[in-house]
């Protein structure tokens, strides 16, 4: 079971680190016209002032990058790894719930998109891992 947890944390580390680096470098890539796909365009936001770049870098870049680094650390420390699975499961579940609830308001767009599908999958896998891990810790398996 520990190897499944480590694999999940490695996958989350790669995904969250990549998103963080992409968001951090997005303004630079745009200014240098590197031809990378725009992070802001991908998530549907437009920056209308200089503070907007800082917000993208801080909230999307810094936060996601640090979550990715933490997941990497969790691969080597079981207690940290279990905490991070709980954190990510709560995080993605909350985001998916927010998307769903927003879509219930009149004239709002649907919640069905690739981000929502990732969040639901990560939530379900996280719940399975947490349940399986708790059964193993209780000596039931």
N, C-alpha and C. Protein backbone atom coordinates (compact mmCIF):
# COMPACT_ATOMS: atom_id res chain seq x y z
N UNK A 1 0.82 -1.20 0.00
CA UNK A 1 0.00 0.00 0.00
C UNK A 1 0.86 1.26 0.00
N UNK A 2 2.00 1.21 0.69
CA UNK A 2 2.85 2.39 0.78
C UNK A 2 3.34 2.82 -0.60
N UNK A 3 3.55 1.85 -1.50
CA UNK A 3 4.02 2.20 -2.85
C UNK A 3 2.92 2.87 -3.67
N UNK A 4 1.69 2.50 -3.44
CA UNK A 4 0.56 3.16 -4.12
C UNK A 4 0.46 4.60 -3.63
N UNK A 5 0.61 4.80 -2.33
CA UNK A 5 0.59 6.15 -1.75
C UNK A 5 1.73 6.98 -2.32
N UNK A 6 2.91 6.40 -2.39
CA UNK A 6 4.07 7.12 -2.94
C UNK A 6 3.87 7.48 -4.41
N UNK A 7 3.30 6.56 -5.17
CA UNK A 7 3.03 6.83 -6.58
C UNK A 7 2.03 7.97 -6.73
N UNK A 8 0.97 7.95 -5.93
CA UNK A 8 -0.03 9.02 -5.96
C UNK A 8 0.62 10.36 -5.60
N UNK A 9 1.43 10.37 -4.55
CA UNK A 9 2.10 11.61 -4.15
C UNK A 9 3.08 12.09 -5.23
N UNK A 10 3.75 11.18 -5.89
CA UNK A 10 4.65 11.56 -6.98
C UNK A 10 3.85 12.20 -8.12
N UNK A 11 2.73 11.59 -8.47
CA UNK A 11 1.87 12.15 -9.52
C UNK A 11 1.38 13.55 -9.13
N UNK A 12 0.92 13.69 -7.89
CA UNK A 12 0.44 15.00 -7.42
C UNK A 12 1.59 16.01 -7.38
N UNK A 13 2.79 15.55 -7.01
CA UNK A 13 3.95 16.44 -7.00
C UNK A 13 4.26 16.97 -8.39
N UNK A 14 4.24 16.09 -9.37
CA UNK A 14 4.51 16.50 -10.75
C UNK A 14 3.43 17.47 -11.23
N UNK A 15 2.17 17.14 -11.01
CA UNK A 15 1.07 17.98 -11.49
C UNK A 15 1.10 19.35 -10.84
N UNK A 16 1.17 19.39 -9.50
CA UNK A 16 1.12 20.68 -8.81
C UNK A 16 2.38 21.51 -9.03
N UNK A 17 3.55 20.86 -9.09
CA UNK A 17 4.78 21.61 -9.38
C UNK A 17 4.73 22.21 -10.78
N UNK A 18 4.27 21.42 -11.74
CA UNK A 18 4.18 21.90 -13.13
C UNK A 18 3.22 23.08 -13.23
N UNK A 19 2.06 22.98 -12.59
CA UNK A 19 1.11 24.10 -12.61
C UNK A 19 1.74 25.33 -11.97
N UNK A 20 2.42 25.14 -10.84
CA UNK A 20 3.06 26.26 -10.15
C UNK A 20 4.13 26.94 -10.99
N UNK A 21 4.99 26.15 -11.60
CA UNK A 21 6.05 26.71 -12.45
C UNK A 21 5.44 27.42 -13.65
N UNK A 22 4.43 26.82 -14.25
CA UNK A 22 3.74 27.42 -15.40
C UNK A 22 3.17 28.77 -15.02
N UNK A 23 2.49 28.85 -13.88
CA UNK A 23 1.89 30.11 -13.44
C UNK A 23 2.96 31.14 -13.09
N UNK A 24 4.04 30.71 -12.45
CA UNK A 24 5.12 31.63 -12.10
C UNK A 24 5.79 32.23 -13.33
N UNK A 25 5.97 31.42 -14.35
CA UNK A 25 6.69 31.87 -15.55
C UNK A 25 5.78 32.46 -16.63
N UNK A 26 4.47 32.40 -16.43
CA UNK A 26 3.53 32.87 -17.45
C UNK A 26 3.76 34.31 -17.89
N UNK A 27 3.90 35.26 -16.96
CA UNK A 27 4.12 36.64 -17.42
C UNK A 27 5.44 36.81 -18.18
N UNK A 28 6.47 36.09 -17.75
CA UNK A 28 7.77 36.17 -18.42
C UNK A 28 7.67 35.58 -19.83
N UNK A 29 7.01 34.42 -19.92
CA UNK A 29 6.86 33.77 -21.23
C UNK A 29 6.06 34.65 -22.18
N UNK A 30 5.03 35.32 -21.65
CA UNK A 30 4.24 36.22 -22.48
C UNK A 30 5.03 37.43 -22.94
N UNK A 31 5.81 38.00 -22.03
CA UNK A 31 6.62 39.19 -22.37
C UNK A 31 7.71 38.85 -23.38
N UNK A 32 8.28 37.67 -23.27
CA UNK A 32 9.35 37.26 -24.19
C UNK A 32 8.81 36.60 -25.46
N UNK A 33 7.49 36.43 -25.52
CA UNK A 33 6.84 35.80 -26.66
C UNK A 33 7.48 34.45 -27.00
N UNK A 34 7.53 33.59 -25.96
CA UNK A 34 8.14 32.28 -26.12
C UNK A 34 7.26 31.27 -26.83
N UNK A 35 6.00 31.61 -27.02
CA UNK A 35 5.09 30.71 -27.71
C UNK A 35 4.49 29.63 -26.83
N UNK A 36 4.71 29.74 -25.52
CA UNK A 36 4.08 28.78 -24.60
C UNK A 36 2.60 29.07 -24.51
N UNK A 37 1.79 28.05 -24.23
CA UNK A 37 0.38 28.33 -23.97
C UNK A 37 0.26 29.17 -22.70
N UNK A 38 -0.61 30.14 -22.73
CA UNK A 38 -0.77 31.05 -21.61
C UNK A 38 -1.54 30.40 -20.47
N UNK A 39 -0.99 30.50 -19.26
CA UNK A 39 -1.67 30.00 -18.08
C UNK A 39 -2.97 30.77 -17.86
N UNK A 40 -2.90 32.08 -17.97
CA UNK A 40 -4.08 32.92 -17.74
C UNK A 40 -5.21 32.58 -18.71
N UNK A 41 -4.86 32.36 -19.96
CA UNK A 41 -5.87 32.00 -20.96
C UNK A 41 -6.44 30.61 -20.65
N UNK A 42 -5.58 29.68 -20.25
CA UNK A 42 -6.03 28.32 -19.97
C UNK A 42 -7.04 28.27 -18.84
N UNK A 43 -6.87 29.13 -17.83
CA UNK A 43 -7.81 29.12 -16.70
C UNK A 43 -8.91 30.16 -16.85
N UNK A 44 -8.85 30.94 -17.94
CA UNK A 44 -9.94 31.87 -18.23
C UNK A 44 -9.88 33.19 -17.49
N UNK A 45 -8.68 33.61 -17.09
CA UNK A 45 -8.53 34.90 -16.41
C UNK A 45 -7.74 35.86 -17.28
N UNK A 46 -8.03 37.14 -17.13
CA UNK A 46 -7.22 38.14 -17.81
C UNK A 46 -6.68 39.11 -16.77
N UNK A 47 -5.44 39.48 -16.94
CA UNK A 47 -4.78 40.40 -16.01
C UNK A 47 -5.04 41.82 -16.50
N UNK A 48 -5.60 42.65 -15.61
CA UNK A 48 -5.93 44.02 -15.99
C UNK A 48 -5.07 45.05 -15.29
N UNK A 49 -4.20 44.62 -14.37
CA UNK A 49 -3.27 45.54 -13.73
C UNK A 49 -2.02 44.78 -13.32
N UNK A 50 -0.99 45.52 -12.93
CA UNK A 50 0.27 44.87 -12.58
C UNK A 50 0.12 43.94 -11.38
N UNK A 51 -0.73 44.28 -10.42
CA UNK A 51 -0.92 43.42 -9.26
C UNK A 51 -1.49 42.06 -9.67
N UNK A 52 -2.19 42.02 -10.79
CA UNK A 52 -2.74 40.76 -11.29
C UNK A 52 -1.67 39.72 -11.56
N UNK A 53 -0.52 40.17 -12.10
CA UNK A 53 0.58 39.24 -12.34
C UNK A 53 1.11 38.68 -11.03
N UNK A 54 1.19 39.53 -10.03
CA UNK A 54 1.63 39.10 -8.71
C UNK A 54 0.66 38.10 -8.11
N UNK A 55 -0.63 38.32 -8.31
CA UNK A 55 -1.64 37.41 -7.79
C UNK A 55 -1.57 36.05 -8.48
N UNK A 56 -1.40 36.06 -9.79
CA UNK A 56 -1.26 34.80 -10.53
C UNK A 56 -0.02 34.06 -10.03
N UNK A 57 1.09 34.79 -9.91
CA UNK A 57 2.34 34.15 -9.47
C UNK A 57 2.23 33.67 -8.03
N UNK A 58 1.59 34.44 -7.16
CA UNK A 58 1.51 34.06 -5.76
C UNK A 58 0.50 32.98 -5.49
N UNK A 59 -0.73 33.21 -5.92
CA UNK A 59 -1.80 32.28 -5.58
C UNK A 59 -1.70 31.01 -6.42
N UNK A 60 -1.57 31.16 -7.71
CA UNK A 60 -1.51 29.96 -8.55
C UNK A 60 -0.10 29.39 -8.61
N UNK A 61 0.89 30.26 -8.75
CA UNK A 61 2.26 29.79 -8.89
C UNK A 61 2.86 29.28 -7.59
N UNK A 62 2.97 30.18 -6.62
CA UNK A 62 3.61 29.82 -5.36
C UNK A 62 2.89 28.72 -4.60
N UNK A 63 1.59 28.83 -4.50
CA UNK A 63 0.81 27.85 -3.75
C UNK A 63 0.90 26.46 -4.38
N UNK A 64 0.68 26.38 -5.68
CA UNK A 64 0.74 25.08 -6.35
C UNK A 64 2.15 24.49 -6.33
N UNK A 65 3.15 25.32 -6.53
CA UNK A 65 4.53 24.83 -6.51
C UNK A 65 4.89 24.26 -5.13
N UNK A 66 4.49 24.96 -4.07
CA UNK A 66 4.78 24.48 -2.72
C UNK A 66 4.00 23.21 -2.38
N UNK A 67 2.78 23.09 -2.86
CA UNK A 67 2.03 21.85 -2.68
C UNK A 67 2.77 20.70 -3.38
N UNK A 68 3.28 20.96 -4.57
CA UNK A 68 4.06 19.95 -5.29
C UNK A 68 5.31 19.55 -4.54
N UNK A 69 6.02 20.52 -3.99
CA UNK A 69 7.22 20.21 -3.21
C UNK A 69 6.86 19.42 -1.95
N UNK A 70 5.77 19.80 -1.30
CA UNK A 70 5.34 19.10 -0.09
C UNK A 70 5.00 17.64 -0.42
N UNK A 71 4.34 17.41 -1.55
CA UNK A 71 4.01 16.04 -1.95
C UNK A 71 5.29 15.24 -2.18
N UNK A 72 6.29 15.88 -2.73
CA UNK A 72 7.58 15.21 -2.93
C UNK A 72 8.17 14.81 -1.58
N UNK A 73 8.11 15.68 -0.60
CA UNK A 73 8.58 15.37 0.74
C UNK A 73 7.77 14.23 1.35
N UNK A 74 6.46 14.23 1.10
CA UNK A 74 5.58 13.20 1.64
C UNK A 74 5.90 11.80 1.14
N UNK A 75 6.58 11.70 0.02
CA UNK A 75 6.98 10.39 -0.50
C UNK A 75 7.94 9.71 0.47
N UNK A 76 8.75 10.51 1.15
CA UNK A 76 9.79 9.98 2.02
C UNK A 76 9.41 9.94 3.50
N UNK A 77 8.34 10.64 3.88
CA UNK A 77 7.88 10.67 5.27
C UNK A 77 6.41 10.30 5.30
N UNK A 78 6.10 9.10 5.80
CA UNK A 78 4.74 8.58 5.72
C UNK A 78 3.72 9.49 6.40
N UNK A 79 4.03 10.00 7.58
CA UNK A 79 3.07 10.86 8.28
C UNK A 79 2.75 12.11 7.48
N UNK A 80 3.76 12.70 6.89
CA UNK A 80 3.56 13.89 6.05
C UNK A 80 2.77 13.50 4.80
N UNK A 81 3.09 12.34 4.24
CA UNK A 81 2.39 11.87 3.05
C UNK A 81 0.90 11.67 3.30
N UNK A 82 0.55 11.06 4.41
CA UNK A 82 -0.86 10.85 4.73
C UNK A 82 -1.55 12.19 4.96
N UNK A 83 -0.88 13.09 5.67
CA UNK A 83 -1.46 14.43 5.86
C UNK A 83 -1.71 15.10 4.51
N UNK A 84 -0.76 15.00 3.59
CA UNK A 84 -0.91 15.65 2.29
C UNK A 84 -2.02 15.02 1.46
N UNK A 85 -2.19 13.73 1.57
CA UNK A 85 -3.32 13.11 0.86
C UNK A 85 -4.62 13.65 1.44
N UNK A 86 -4.71 13.78 2.76
CA UNK A 86 -5.90 14.37 3.38
C UNK A 86 -6.10 15.80 2.88
N UNK A 87 -5.02 16.57 2.85
CA UNK A 87 -5.09 17.97 2.41
C UNK A 87 -5.54 18.07 0.95
N UNK A 88 -4.91 17.31 0.08
CA UNK A 88 -5.25 17.38 -1.35
C UNK A 88 -6.68 16.90 -1.58
N UNK A 89 -7.08 15.84 -0.88
CA UNK A 89 -8.44 15.32 -1.02
C UNK A 89 -9.45 16.38 -0.61
N UNK A 90 -9.20 17.05 0.51
CA UNK A 90 -10.08 18.13 0.96
C UNK A 90 -10.05 19.30 -0.04
N UNK A 91 -8.86 19.65 -0.51
CA UNK A 91 -8.70 20.77 -1.44
C UNK A 91 -9.46 20.54 -2.74
N UNK A 92 -9.20 19.41 -3.40
CA UNK A 92 -9.85 19.18 -4.69
C UNK A 92 -11.34 18.94 -4.53
N UNK A 93 -11.73 18.30 -3.43
CA UNK A 93 -13.16 18.11 -3.16
C UNK A 93 -13.87 19.44 -2.97
N UNK A 94 -13.22 20.36 -2.26
CA UNK A 94 -13.81 21.69 -2.03
C UNK A 94 -13.93 22.47 -3.33
N UNK A 95 -12.91 22.41 -4.15
CA UNK A 95 -12.94 23.12 -5.43
C UNK A 95 -14.04 22.55 -6.33
N UNK A 96 -14.13 21.22 -6.39
CA UNK A 96 -15.17 20.58 -7.21
C UNK A 96 -16.56 20.95 -6.70
N UNK A 97 -16.73 20.95 -5.39
CA UNK A 97 -18.02 21.32 -4.81
C UNK A 97 -18.36 22.77 -5.16
N UNK A 98 -17.39 23.66 -5.08
CA UNK A 98 -17.61 25.05 -5.45
C UNK A 98 -18.04 25.20 -6.89
N UNK A 99 -17.38 24.47 -7.79
CA UNK A 99 -17.76 24.51 -9.21
C UNK A 99 -19.20 24.03 -9.39
N UNK A 100 -19.53 22.93 -8.72
CA UNK A 100 -20.87 22.36 -8.83
C UNK A 100 -21.92 23.33 -8.30
N UNK A 101 -21.69 23.88 -7.11
CA UNK A 101 -22.66 24.80 -6.51
C UNK A 101 -22.83 26.06 -7.36
N UNK A 102 -21.73 26.58 -7.91
CA UNK A 102 -21.81 27.76 -8.77
C UNK A 102 -22.66 27.48 -10.00
N UNK A 103 -22.52 26.27 -10.55
CA UNK A 103 -23.28 25.94 -11.77
C UNK A 103 -24.77 25.81 -11.50
N UNK A 104 -25.15 25.70 -10.25
CA UNK A 104 -26.57 25.60 -9.91
C UNK A 104 -27.27 26.96 -9.92
N UNK A 105 -26.49 28.04 -9.91
CA UNK A 105 -27.07 29.38 -9.98
C UNK A 105 -27.62 29.61 -11.39
N UNK A 106 -28.72 30.33 -11.50
CA UNK A 106 -29.29 30.59 -12.83
C UNK A 106 -28.29 31.32 -13.74
N UNK A 107 -28.25 30.94 -14.97
CA UNK A 107 -27.46 31.51 -16.07
C UNK A 107 -25.95 31.36 -15.89
N UNK A 108 -25.50 30.45 -15.03
CA UNK A 108 -24.06 30.23 -14.90
C UNK A 108 -23.65 29.04 -15.76
N UNK A 109 -22.37 29.00 -16.16
CA UNK A 109 -21.92 27.90 -17.02
C UNK A 109 -21.87 26.58 -16.26
N UNK A 110 -21.75 25.52 -17.01
CA UNK A 110 -21.69 24.18 -16.42
C UNK A 110 -20.38 23.97 -15.67
N UNK A 111 -20.37 23.01 -14.80
CA UNK A 111 -19.17 22.67 -14.04
C UNK A 111 -18.32 21.64 -14.76
N UNK A 112 -18.83 21.04 -15.82
CA UNK A 112 -18.13 19.96 -16.51
C UNK A 112 -16.99 20.50 -17.35
N UNK A 113 -15.77 20.24 -16.93
CA UNK A 113 -14.58 20.57 -17.69
C UNK A 113 -13.44 19.67 -17.23
N UNK A 114 -12.30 19.77 -17.86
CA UNK A 114 -11.17 18.90 -17.53
C UNK A 114 -10.69 19.11 -16.09
N UNK A 115 -10.73 20.35 -15.60
CA UNK A 115 -10.30 20.63 -14.23
C UNK A 115 -11.22 19.91 -13.24
N UNK A 116 -12.53 19.97 -13.49
CA UNK A 116 -13.50 19.32 -12.61
C UNK A 116 -13.28 17.80 -12.60
N UNK A 117 -13.04 17.23 -13.77
CA UNK A 117 -12.81 15.79 -13.84
C UNK A 117 -11.56 15.39 -13.07
N UNK A 118 -10.49 16.19 -13.19
CA UNK A 118 -9.27 15.93 -12.41
C UNK A 118 -9.58 15.98 -10.92
N UNK A 119 -10.33 17.00 -10.50
CA UNK A 119 -10.64 17.16 -9.08
C UNK A 119 -11.46 16.00 -8.54
N UNK A 120 -12.44 15.55 -9.30
CA UNK A 120 -13.26 14.43 -8.85
C UNK A 120 -12.42 13.15 -8.78
N UNK A 121 -11.61 12.92 -9.79
CA UNK A 121 -10.75 11.73 -9.78
C UNK A 121 -9.77 11.76 -8.61
N UNK A 122 -9.12 12.91 -8.39
CA UNK A 122 -8.18 13.04 -7.27
C UNK A 122 -8.90 12.86 -5.94
N UNK A 123 -10.12 13.37 -5.82
CA UNK A 123 -10.90 13.21 -4.60
C UNK A 123 -11.22 11.73 -4.35
N UNK A 124 -11.71 11.05 -5.36
CA UNK A 124 -12.08 9.64 -5.20
C UNK A 124 -10.85 8.79 -4.88
N UNK A 125 -9.77 9.00 -5.61
CA UNK A 125 -8.55 8.23 -5.34
C UNK A 125 -8.04 8.54 -3.93
N UNK A 126 -8.05 9.81 -3.54
CA UNK A 126 -7.62 10.18 -2.19
C UNK A 126 -8.45 9.50 -1.12
N UNK A 127 -9.76 9.47 -1.31
CA UNK A 127 -10.64 8.82 -0.33
C UNK A 127 -10.35 7.32 -0.25
N UNK A 128 -10.12 6.70 -1.38
CA UNK A 128 -9.80 5.26 -1.40
C UNK A 128 -8.48 5.01 -0.68
N UNK A 129 -7.48 5.84 -0.96
CA UNK A 129 -6.19 5.67 -0.29
C UNK A 129 -6.30 5.88 1.21
N UNK A 130 -7.03 6.89 1.62
CA UNK A 130 -7.19 7.15 3.06
C UNK A 130 -7.95 6.03 3.75
N UNK A 131 -9.01 5.54 3.11
CA UNK A 131 -9.77 4.44 3.68
C UNK A 131 -8.91 3.18 3.78
N UNK A 132 -8.21 2.85 2.71
CA UNK A 132 -7.36 1.66 2.71
C UNK A 132 -6.25 1.77 3.74
N UNK A 133 -5.66 2.94 3.85
CA UNK A 133 -4.60 3.14 4.82
C UNK A 133 -5.11 3.01 6.26
N UNK A 134 -6.30 3.53 6.51
CA UNK A 134 -6.85 3.43 7.87
C UNK A 134 -7.20 1.99 8.21
N UNK A 135 -7.64 1.21 7.24
CA UNK A 135 -7.92 -0.21 7.47
C UNK A 135 -6.65 -0.97 7.77
N UNK A 136 -5.58 -0.62 7.09
CA UNK A 136 -4.30 -1.29 7.33
C UNK A 136 -3.76 -0.93 8.71
N UNK A 137 -3.91 0.33 9.10
CA UNK A 137 -3.44 0.77 10.42
C UNK A 137 -4.24 0.13 11.55
N UNK A 138 -5.50 -0.19 11.27
CA UNK A 138 -6.34 -0.83 12.29
C UNK A 138 -6.10 -2.33 12.36
N UNK A 139 -5.27 -2.86 11.47
CA UNK A 139 -4.97 -4.27 11.46
C UNK A 139 -6.04 -5.14 10.81
N UNK A 140 -6.94 -4.53 10.04
CA UNK A 140 -8.01 -5.28 9.42
C UNK A 140 -7.56 -5.98 8.13
N UNK A 141 -6.46 -5.53 7.56
CA UNK A 141 -6.02 -6.15 6.30
C UNK A 141 -4.78 -6.98 6.49
